[in-house]
Amino acid sequence: RDPAVGGGPSTVLGCQYESSVFSDRAPAGAVLLR
């Protein structure tokens, strides 16, 4: 968030790649983000 390190305003604070972290979070061939 800090402009001193190239951060800035963003609605999204962070995003987890759910189907990359734990198995069976999405149907076969699909992905889930949070």
PDB file of all heavy atoms in Angstrom:
ATOM      1  N   ARG A   1       0.814  -1.220   0.000  1.00  0.00           N
ATOM      2  CA  ARG A   1       0.000   0.000   0.000  1.00  0.00           C
ATOM      3  C   ARG A   1       0.845   1.266   0.000  1.00  0.00           C
ATOM      4  O   ARG A   1       0.354   2.335  -0.337  1.00  0.00           O
ATOM      5  CB  ARG A   1      -0.890   0.023   1.251  1.00  0.00           C
ATOM      6  CG  ARG A   1      -1.666  -1.227   1.520  1.00  0.00           C
ATOM      7  CD  ARG A   1      -2.804  -1.436   0.559  1.00  0.00           C
ATOM      8  NE  ARG A   1      -3.695  -0.280   0.466  1.00  0.00           N
ATOM      9  CZ  ARG A   1      -4.854  -0.305  -0.189  1.00  0.00           C
ATOM     10  NH1 ARG A   1      -5.229  -1.407  -0.821  1.00  0.00           N
ATOM     11  NH2 ARG A   1      -5.614   0.766  -0.241  1.00  0.00           N
ATOM     12  N   ASP A   2       2.104   1.154   0.401  1.00  0.00           N
ATOM     13  CA  ASP A   2       2.925   2.343   0.646  1.00  0.00           C
ATOM     14  C   ASP A   2       3.528   2.863  -0.655  1.00  0.00           C
ATOM     15  O   ASP A   2       4.246   2.152  -1.353  1.00  0.00           O
ATOM     16  CB  ASP A   2       4.050   1.998   1.625  1.00  0.00           C
ATOM     17  CG  ASP A   2       4.645   3.219   2.275  1.00  0.00           C
ATOM     18  OD1 ASP A   2       4.976   4.172   1.542  1.00  0.00           O
ATOM     19  OD2 ASP A   2       4.773   3.216   3.505  1.00  0.00           O
ATOM     20  N   PRO A   3       3.266   4.141  -1.019  1.00  0.00           N
ATOM     21  CA  PRO A   3       3.846   4.705  -2.247  1.00  0.00           C
ATOM     22  C   PRO A   3       5.372   4.677  -2.253  1.00  0.00           C
ATOM     23  O   PRO A   3       5.990   4.654  -3.323  1.00  0.00           O
ATOM     24  CB  PRO A   3       3.313   6.143  -2.250  1.00  0.00           C
ATOM     25  CG  PRO A   3       2.087   6.107  -1.393  1.00  0.00           C
ATOM     26  CD  PRO A   3       2.359   5.081  -0.346  1.00  0.00           C
ATOM     27  N   ALA A   4       5.993   4.655  -1.067  1.00  0.00           N
ATOM     28  CA  ALA A   4       7.454   4.672  -0.992  1.00  0.00           C
ATOM     29  C   ALA A   4       8.072   3.417  -1.601  1.00  0.00           C
ATOM     30  O   ALA A   4       9.245   3.427  -1.981  1.00  0.00           O
ATOM     31  CB  ALA A   4       7.910   4.825   0.461  1.00  0.00           C
ATOM     32  N   VAL A   5       7.302   2.327  -1.697  1.00  0.00           N
ATOM     33  CA  VAL A   5       7.821   1.099  -2.293  1.00  0.00           C
ATOM     34  C   VAL A   5       7.007   0.723  -3.529  1.00  0.00           C
ATOM     35  O   VAL A   5       6.903  -0.455  -3.899  1.00  0.00           O
ATOM     36  CB  VAL A   5       7.828  -0.068  -1.278  1.00  0.00           C
ATOM     37  CG1 VAL A   5       8.849   0.200  -0.190  1.00  0.00           C
ATOM     38  CG2 VAL A   5       6.444  -0.295  -0.687  1.00  0.00           C
ATOM     39  N   GLY A   6       6.421   1.741  -4.151  1.00  0.00           N
ATOM     40  CA  GLY A   6       5.670   1.497  -5.374  1.00  0.00           C
ATOM     41  C   GLY A   6       4.289   0.939  -5.141  1.00  0.00           C
ATOM     42  O   GLY A   6       3.660   0.415  -6.061  1.00  0.00           O
ATOM     43  N   GLY A   7       3.797   1.020  -3.907  1.00  0.00           N
ATOM     44  CA  GLY A   7       2.439   0.594  -3.624  1.00  0.00           C
ATOM     45  C   GLY A   7       1.458   1.701  -3.942  1.00  0.00           C
ATOM     46  O   GLY A   7       1.843   2.813  -4.319  1.00  0.00           O
ATOM     47  N   GLY A   8       0.189   1.405  -3.778  1.00  0.00           N
ATOM     48  CA  GLY A   8      -0.798   2.426  -4.061  1.00  0.00           C
ATOM     49  C   GLY A   8      -2.197   1.934  -3.799  1.00  0.00           C
ATOM     50  O   GLY A   8      -2.409   0.801  -3.335  1.00  0.00           O
ATOM     51  N   PRO A   9      -3.190   2.770  -4.081  1.00  0.00           N
ATOM     52  CA  PRO A   9      -4.580   2.397  -3.829  1.00  0.00           C
ATOM     53  C   PRO A   9      -4.980   1.159  -4.617  1.00  0.00           C
ATOM     54  O   PRO A   9      -4.608   0.993  -5.774  1.00  0.00           O
ATOM     55  CB  PRO A   9      -5.368   3.624  -4.309  1.00  0.00           C
ATOM     56  CG  PRO A   9      -4.385   4.737  -4.361  1.00  0.00           C
ATOM     57  CD  PRO A   9      -3.064   4.116  -4.678  1.00  0.00           C
ATOM     58  N   SER A  10      -5.718   0.292  -3.979  1.00  0.00           N
ATOM     59  CA  SER A  10      -6.206  -0.915  -4.633  1.00  0.00           C
ATOM     60  C   SER A  10      -7.383  -1.426  -3.827  1.00  0.00           C
ATOM     61  O   SER A  10      -7.320  -1.494  -2.598  1.00  0.00           O
ATOM     62  CB  SER A  10      -5.110  -1.984  -4.696  1.00  0.00           C
ATOM     63  OG  SER A  10      -5.633  -3.213  -5.120  1.00  0.00           O
ATOM     64  N   THR A  11      -8.459  -1.766  -4.514  1.00  0.00           N
ATOM     65  CA  THR A  11      -9.590  -2.377  -3.824  1.00  0.00           C
ATOM     66  C   THR A  11      -9.187  -3.728  -3.253  1.00  0.00           C
ATOM     67  O   THR A  11      -9.499  -4.072  -2.124  1.00  0.00           O
ATOM     68  CB  THR A  11     -10.777  -2.551  -4.789  1.00  0.00           C
ATOM     69  OG1 THR A  11     -11.202  -1.262  -5.226  1.00  0.00           O
ATOM     70  CG2 THR A  11     -11.932  -3.252  -4.113  1.00  0.00           C
ATOM     71  N   VAL A  12      -8.471  -4.509  -4.057  1.00  0.00           N
ATOM     72  CA  VAL A  12      -8.017  -5.834  -3.631  1.00  0.00           C
ATOM     73  C   VAL A  12      -6.799  -5.693  -2.719  1.00  0.00           C
ATOM     74  O   VAL A  12      -5.805  -5.076  -3.080  1.00  0.00           O
ATOM     75  CB  VAL A  12      -7.666  -6.706  -4.859  1.00  0.00           C
ATOM     76  CG1 VAL A  12      -6.941  -7.979  -4.433  1.00  0.00           C
ATOM     77  CG2 VAL A  12      -8.928  -7.046  -5.645  1.00  0.00           C
ATOM     78  N   LEU A  13      -6.885  -6.272  -1.525  1.00  0.00           N
ATOM     79  CA  LEU A  13      -5.756  -6.287  -0.599  1.00  0.00           C
ATOM     80  C   LEU A  13      -4.815  -7.448  -0.895  1.00  0.00           C
ATOM     81  O   LEU A  13      -3.613  -7.352  -0.678  1.00  0.00           O
ATOM     82  CB  LEU A  13      -6.255  -6.392   0.847  1.00  0.00           C
ATOM     83  CG  LEU A  13      -7.222  -5.318   1.336  1.00  0.00           C
ATOM     84  CD1 LEU A  13      -7.660  -5.614   2.766  1.00  0.00           C
ATOM     85  CD2 LEU A  13      -6.594  -3.942   1.236  1.00  0.00           C
ATOM     86  N   GLY A  14      -5.388  -8.532  -1.362  1.00  0.00           N
ATOM     87  CA  GLY A  14      -4.597  -9.714  -1.686  1.00  0.00           C
ATOM     88  C   GLY A  14      -5.474 -10.732  -2.361  1.00  0.00           C
ATOM     89  O   GLY A  14      -6.710 -10.640  -2.344  1.00  0.00           O
ATOM     90  N   CYS A  15      -4.849 -11.720  -2.970  1.00  0.00           N
ATOM     91  CA  CYS A  15      -5.585 -12.760  -3.691  1.00  0.00           C
ATOM     92  C   CYS A  15      -4.895 -14.096  -3.472  1.00  0.00           C
ATOM     93  O   CYS A  15      -3.673 -14.198  -3.616  1.00  0.00           O
ATOM     94  CB  CYS A  15      -5.654 -12.428  -5.178  1.00  0.00           C
ATOM     95  SG  CYS A  15      -6.592 -13.623  -6.159  1.00  0.00           S
ATOM     96  N   GLN A  16      -5.682 -15.097  -3.085  1.00  0.00           N
ATOM     97  CA  GLN A  16      -5.158 -16.447  -2.893  1.00  0.00           C
ATOM     98  C   GLN A  16      -5.579 -17.312  -4.074  1.00  0.00           C
ATOM     99  O   GLN A  16      -6.742 -17.263  -4.509  1.00  0.00           O
ATOM    100  CB  GLN A  16      -5.696 -17.034  -1.582  1.00  0.00           C
ATOM    101  CG  GLN A  16      -5.179 -16.306  -0.357  1.00  0.00           C
ATOM    102  CD  GLN A  16      -6.126 -16.390   0.825  1.00  0.00           C
ATOM    103  OE1 GLN A  16      -7.313 -16.641   0.678  1.00  0.00           O
ATOM    104  NE2 GLN A  16      -5.592 -16.167   2.020  1.00  0.00           N
ATOM    105  N   TYR A  17      -4.657 -18.093  -4.582  1.00  0.00           N
ATOM    106  CA  TYR A  17      -4.946 -19.005  -5.683  1.00  0.00           C
ATOM    107  C   TYR A  17      -5.402 -20.332  -5.065  1.00  0.00           C
ATOM    108  O   TYR A  17      -4.620 -21.279  -4.914  1.00  0.00           O
ATOM    109  CB  TYR A  17      -3.711 -19.200  -6.552  1.00  0.00           C
ATOM    110  CG  TYR A  17      -3.099 -17.914  -7.080  1.00  0.00           C
ATOM    111  CD1 TYR A  17      -1.783 -17.880  -7.541  1.00  0.00           C
ATOM    112  CD2 TYR A  17      -3.818 -16.721  -7.131  1.00  0.00           C
ATOM    113  CE1 TYR A  17      -1.205 -16.704  -8.040  1.00  0.00           C
ATOM    114  CE2 TYR A  17      -3.262 -15.543  -7.625  1.00  0.00           C
ATOM    115  CZ  TYR A  17      -1.954 -15.543  -8.069  1.00  0.00           C
ATOM    116  OH  TYR A  17      -1.390 -14.382  -8.557  1.00  0.00           O
ATOM    117  N   GLU A  18      -6.656 -20.381  -4.701  1.00  0.00           N
ATOM    118  CA  GLU A  18      -7.175 -21.472  -3.886  1.00  0.00           C
ATOM    119  C   GLU A  18      -6.898 -22.858  -4.467  1.00  0.00           C
ATOM    120  O   GLU A  18      -6.500 -23.779  -3.751  1.00  0.00           O
ATOM    121  CB  GLU A  18      -8.686 -21.300  -3.684  1.00  0.00           C
ATOM    122  CG  GLU A  18      -9.069 -20.104  -2.827  1.00  0.00           C
ATOM    123  CD  GLU A  18      -8.762 -20.350  -1.375  1.00  0.00           C
ATOM    124  OE1 GLU A  18      -9.535 -21.019  -0.692  1.00  0.00           O
ATOM    125  OE2 GLU A  18      -7.695 -19.872  -0.926  1.00  0.00           O
ATOM    126  N   SER A  19      -7.140 -23.025  -5.767  1.00  0.00           N
ATOM    127  CA  SER A  19      -6.963 -24.341  -6.377  1.00  0.00           C
ATOM    128  C   SER A  19      -5.496 -24.708  -6.547  1.00  0.00           C
ATOM    129  O   SER A  19      -5.168 -25.860  -6.843  1.00  0.00           O
ATOM    130  CB  SER A  19      -7.688 -24.406  -7.724  1.00  0.00           C
ATOM    131  OG  SER A  19      -7.389 -23.290  -8.531  1.00  0.00           O
ATOM    132  N   SER A  20      -4.592 -23.738  -6.334  1.00  0.00           N
ATOM    133  CA  SER A  20      -3.164 -24.038  -6.348  1.00  0.00           C
ATOM    134  C   SER A  20      -2.650 -24.403  -4.961  1.00  0.00           C
ATOM    135  O   SER A  20      -1.610 -25.039  -4.824  1.00  0.00           O
ATOM    136  CB  SER A  20      -2.369 -22.834  -6.865  1.00  0.00           C
ATOM    137  OG  SER A  20      -2.725 -22.512  -8.189  1.00  0.00           O
ATOM    138  N   VAL A  21      -3.396 -23.996  -3.937  1.00  0.00           N
ATOM    139  CA  VAL A  21      -2.962 -24.236  -2.560  1.00  0.00           C
ATOM    140  C   VAL A  21      -3.423 -25.607  -2.083  1.00  0.00           C
ATOM    141  O   VAL A  21      -2.632 -26.414  -1.576  1.00  0.00           O
ATOM    142  CB  VAL A  21      -3.482 -23.129  -1.625  1.00  0.00           C
ATOM    143  CG1 VAL A  21      -3.020 -23.394  -0.183  1.00  0.00           C
ATOM    144  CG2 VAL A  21      -3.007 -21.765  -2.088  1.00  0.00           C
ATOM    145  N   PHE A  22      -4.702 -25.896  -2.250  1.00  0.00           N
ATOM    146  CA  PHE A  22      -5.254 -27.174  -1.807  1.00  0.00           C
ATOM    147  C   PHE A  22      -5.972 -27.857  -2.968  1.00  0.00           C
ATOM    148  O   PHE A  22      -6.585 -27.200  -3.809  1.00  0.00           O
ATOM    149  CB  PHE A  22      -6.236 -26.972  -0.646  1.00  0.00           C
ATOM    150  CG  PHE A  22      -5.603 -26.450   0.610  1.00  0.00           C
ATOM    151  CD1 PHE A  22      -5.925 -25.188   1.086  1.00  0.00           C
ATOM    152  CD2 PHE A  22      -4.688 -27.211   1.306  1.00  0.00           C
ATOM    153  CE1 PHE A  22      -5.346 -24.696   2.243  1.00  0.00           C
ATOM    154  CE2 PHE A  22      -4.094 -26.734   2.470  1.00  0.00           C
ATOM    155  CZ  PHE A  22      -4.425 -25.472   2.936  1.00  0.00           C
ATOM    156  N   SER A  23      -5.910 -29.177  -2.985  1.00  0.00           N
ATOM    157  CA  SER A  23      -6.543 -29.936  -4.063  1.00  0.00           C
ATOM    158  C   SER A  23      -8.064 -29.903  -3.936  1.00  0.00           C
ATOM    159  O   SER A  23      -8.609 -29.657  -2.860  1.00  0.00           O
ATOM    160  CB  SER A  23      -6.052 -31.383  -4.026  1.00  0.00           C
ATOM    161  OG  SER A  23      -6.371 -31.982  -2.775  1.00  0.00           O
ATOM    162  N   ASP A  24      -8.742 -30.155  -5.053  1.00  0.00           N
ATOM    163  CA  ASP A  24     -10.198 -30.316  -5.102  1.00  0.00           C
ATOM    164  C   ASP A  24     -10.949 -29.058  -4.677  1.00  0.00           C
ATOM    165  O   ASP A  24     -12.043 -29.135  -4.118  1.00  0.00           O
ATOM    166  CB  ASP A  24     -10.642 -31.506  -4.247  1.00  0.00           C
ATOM    167  CG  ASP A  24     -12.040 -31.986  -4.615  1.00  0.00           C
ATOM    168  OD1 ASP A  24     -12.428 -31.832  -5.788  1.00  0.00           O
ATOM    169  OD2 ASP A  24     -12.756 -32.493  -3.732  1.00  0.00           O
ATOM    170  N   ARG A  25     -10.365 -27.902  -4.936  1.00  0.00           N
ATOM    171  CA  ARG A  25     -11.067 -26.643  -4.667  1.00  0.00           C
ATOM    172  C   ARG A  25     -11.884 -26.183  -5.872  1.00  0.00           C
ATOM    173  O   ARG A  25     -12.670 -25.250  -5.770  1.00  0.00           O
ATOM    174  CB  ARG A  25     -10.074 -25.533  -4.300  1.00  0.00           C
ATOM    175  CG  ARG A  25      -9.586 -25.415  -2.866  1.00  0.00           C
ATOM    176  CD  ARG A  25     -10.218 -26.318  -1.894  1.00  0.00           C
ATOM    177  NE  ARG A  25      -9.883 -26.007  -0.515  1.00  0.00           N
ATOM    178  CZ  ARG A  25      -9.853 -26.888   0.463  1.00  0.00           C
ATOM    179  NH1 ARG A  25     -10.103 -28.148   0.210  1.00  0.00           N
ATOM    180  NH2 ARG A  25      -9.593 -26.541   1.703  1.00  0.00           N
ATOM    181  N   ALA A  26     -11.691 -26.818  -7.020  1.00  0.00           N
ATOM    182  CA  ALA A  26     -12.391 -26.448  -8.241  1.00  0.00           C
ATOM    183  C   ALA A  26     -12.639 -27.699  -9.067  1.00  0.00           C
ATOM    184  O   ALA A  26     -11.933 -28.706  -8.905  1.00  0.00           O
ATOM    185  CB  ALA A  26     -11.567 -25.435  -9.038  1.00  0.00           C
ATOM    186  N   PRO A  27     -13.628 -27.688  -9.963  1.00  0.00           N
ATOM    187  CA  PRO A  27     -13.845 -28.845 -10.841  1.00  0.00           C
ATOM    188  C   PRO A  27     -12.620 -29.106 -11.715  1.00  0.00           C
ATOM    189  O   PRO A  27     -11.754 -28.238 -11.875  1.00  0.00           O
ATOM    190  CB  PRO A  27     -15.047 -28.414 -11.691  1.00  0.00           C
ATOM    191  CG  PRO A  27     -15.721 -27.331 -10.901  1.00  0.00           C
ATOM    192  CD  PRO A  27     -14.626 -26.623 -10.166  1.00  0.00           C
ATOM    193  N   ALA A  28     -12.548 -30.284 -12.299  1.00  0.00           N
ATOM    194  CA  ALA A  28     -11.419 -30.657 -13.157  1.00  0.00           C
ATOM    195  C   ALA A  28     -11.251 -29.632 -14.276  1.00  0.00           C
ATOM    196  O   ALA A  28     -12.213 -29.251 -14.941  1.00  0.00           O
ATOM    197  CB  ALA A  28     -11.651 -32.049 -13.745  1.00  0.00           C
ATOM    198  N   GLY A  29     -10.010 -29.166 -14.450  1.00  0.00           N
ATOM    199  CA  GLY A  29      -9.704 -28.207 -15.492  1.00  0.00           C
ATOM    200  C   GLY A  29     -10.034 -26.769 -15.155  1.00  0.00           C
ATOM    201  O   GLY A  29      -9.742 -25.856 -15.950  1.00  0.00           O
ATOM    202  N   ALA A  30     -10.613 -26.530 -13.994  1.00  0.00           N
ATOM    203  CA  ALA A  30     -11.001 -25.174 -13.590  1.00  0.00           C
ATOM    204  C   ALA A  30     -10.088 -24.675 -12.473  1.00  0.00           C
ATOM    205  O   ALA A  30      -9.323 -25.441 -11.879  1.00  0.00           O
ATOM    206  CB  ALA A  30     -12.453 -25.154 -13.123  1.00  0.00           C
ATOM    207  N   VAL A  31     -10.161 -23.386 -12.175  1.00  0.00           N
ATOM    208  CA  VAL A  31      -9.369 -22.791 -11.097  1.00  0.00           C
ATOM    209  C   VAL A  31     -10.264 -21.882 -10.255  1.00  0.00           C
ATOM    210  O   VAL A  31     -11.286 -21.380 -10.728  1.00  0.00           O
ATOM    211  CB  VAL A  31      -8.159 -21.992 -11.628  1.00  0.00           C
ATOM    212  CG1 VAL A  31      -7.190 -22.905 -12.338  1.00  0.00           C
ATOM    213  CG2 VAL A  31      -8.603 -20.858 -12.534  1.00  0.00           C
ATOM    214  N   LEU A  32      -9.843 -21.688  -9.016  1.00  0.00           N
ATOM    215  CA  LEU A  32     -10.579 -20.833  -8.079  1.00  0.00           C
ATOM    216  C   LEU A  32      -9.624 -19.831  -7.456  1.00  0.00           C
ATOM    217  O   LEU A  32      -8.568 -20.205  -6.941  1.00  0.00           O
ATOM    218  CB  LEU A  32     -11.223 -21.683  -6.982  1.00  0.00           C
ATOM    219  CG  LEU A  32     -12.008 -20.923  -5.911  1.00  0.00           C
ATOM    220  CD1 LEU A  32     -13.245 -20.260  -6.514  1.00  0.00           C
ATOM    221  CD2 LEU A  32     -12.409 -21.859  -4.765  1.00  0.00           C
ATOM    222  N   LEU A  33      -9.982 -18.560  -7.490  1.00  0.00           N
ATOM    223  CA  LEU A  33      -9.249 -17.500  -6.808  1.00  0.00           C
ATOM    224  C   LEU A  33     -10.115 -16.954  -5.681  1.00  0.00           C
ATOM    225  O   LEU A  33     -11.354 -17.024  -5.741  1.00  0.00           O
ATOM    226  CB  LEU A  33      -8.904 -16.352  -7.771  1.00  0.00           C
ATOM    227  CG  LEU A  33      -8.213 -16.691  -9.087  1.00  0.00           C
ATOM    228  CD1 LEU A  33      -7.875 -15.406  -9.839  1.00  0.00           C
ATOM    229  CD2 LEU A  33      -6.963 -17.515  -8.863  1.00  0.00           C
ATOM    230  N   ARG A  34      -9.462 -16.383  -4.685  1.00  0.00           N
ATOM    231  CA  ARG A  34     -10.186 -15.756  -3.580  1.00  0.00           C
ATOM    232  C   ARG A  34      -9.529 -14.434  -3.257  1.00  0.00           C
ATOM    233  O   ARG A  34      -8.366 -14.393  -2.842  1.00  0.00           O
ATOM    234  CB  ARG A  34     -10.181 -16.670  -2.344  1.00  0.00           C
ATOM    235  CG  ARG A  34     -11.148 -16.218  -1.262  1.00  0.00           C
ATOM    236  CD  ARG A  34     -11.104 -17.176  -0.082  1.00  0.00           C
ATOM    237  NE  ARG A  34     -10.108 -16.783   0.873  1.00  0.00           N
ATOM    238  CZ  ARG A  34     -10.330 -16.632   2.194  1.00  0.00           C
ATOM    239  NH1 ARG A  34     -11.539 -16.841   2.677  1.00  0.00           N
ATOM    240  NH2 ARG A  34      -9.368 -16.288   2.990  1.00  0.00           N
TER     241      ARG A  34
END
